[in-house]
Amino acid sequence: MMSDKVKLDLPAVTALKIFIFVGVGYAFYLLLPLFLILFLACLLAITLEPVTRWLERHGFKRGLAVIFISFVLLSLLTLFIVFVLPTLFHQLGSFVEDFPSYRDKLFSRFPEGTFFNRALRSTIALANAQSFGEWMTHLATVGQVTATVILKLLFLFVIAVYLLADGKSAYRWIRHFFPPATQNKMDSSADEMIDVVIAFTTGQGICSLLAIFYTFLILNIFSVPAALTLALLAGIFDILPVLGFILFSIPAILLALTVSEYTALMVFLFYLVYHGIEAYILVPKIYGNKLRLSSLTVLLTLTAAGLIAGVPGAIVALPLAAAFPIVEKIWLKDYLASQKDAPTVR
């Protein structure tokens, strides 16, 4: 009778390679937040490079130009912490305190037993006093989360300043490890990718700021609660094309419903108008032809990146997706040409 056992002969070298591969993958997973910060710092440094060059053309030495830009950025961050954060915390506290009233007003807008009434009751986590008390307890952790975010922003800022001051030297040092042909491809890729990154970061920054100011104005006109919080959410979610409009409009419309049905309708219409203006007028004008991505590509890229790393991942993924045609043109040109000319087998 023959044995059914299968003997697996795994060479020691192969086992070592698998172990190293798994170890590197796990280390990458653990260091993913750091890589995201480093990549965002690169985006910021590349975006500020034209400003640095402009200051150099007007008599500033590079070191002095970097110091000046750093001072301006730190001043903006300080103004945000001093003037915006206290108002934001006050609105969050008022929202949690008045939430039972908002909840009851929302329920009253839809008859008992209807689909929307059941959906609201199932999605609002603060439907009872116990969970409401838990939210009051969790509100105390907002300060800790904010402090962590500010520290990460400062770390990102320090890395960006270093790259702005000495990034070219670091690039030249890395470049010397590659053969001349690869160096030429690296230079060509860097020049074109810098244009894509600048177009993305400046364009998205302008769009997000416009979204914040526009929504804050509209929500204040119609006396919608937590207008500043909703406006900041609009600016953050505006980073996500296609999905962003839907995500940041839902909480605004729900809170507008606590005022009146007319207010909710007007907020929805004004949000819809802004989405149309941004999608069909602002984005083509601001981005130009530097960032050409289909809606399906954007949706799939954002979904994958958002699941892996949230909003920072989406910020990183979009310029990478937009830069792929550059990689295809410069690095895959010969391979694609050989595949195109290869004979087909019938």
Foldseek 3Di string as FASTA:
>chain_A
DDDPDDDDDDDPVNVVVVVVVVVVVVVCLVCVVVVLLLLVLVLVLLLCLVVLVVVVVVPDDSVRSLVVVLVVVVVVVVCCVVPPVVVLLVLVVVCLVCVVLLLVLLLVVDDPPDPSNVVSVVPDQPPDPVVSVVVVVCSVCVVVVVVVVVVSVVVSSVSSSCCNRCVVVVVVVVLVVDDPLVSVLVVQLVVLLSLLSNLLVVLLVVLLVVQLVQQLVLCVVLVQGSSNVLSNLLSLLSLQPPVSLVVSLVVRLSSLSSVHNVSSVVSVVSSVVSSCCCVPPSSCVRNPPSADDDPVRSVVQCVVQCVSPNSSSSSSRRSVVSSVVSCCVRVVVVVVVCVVPDDDDD
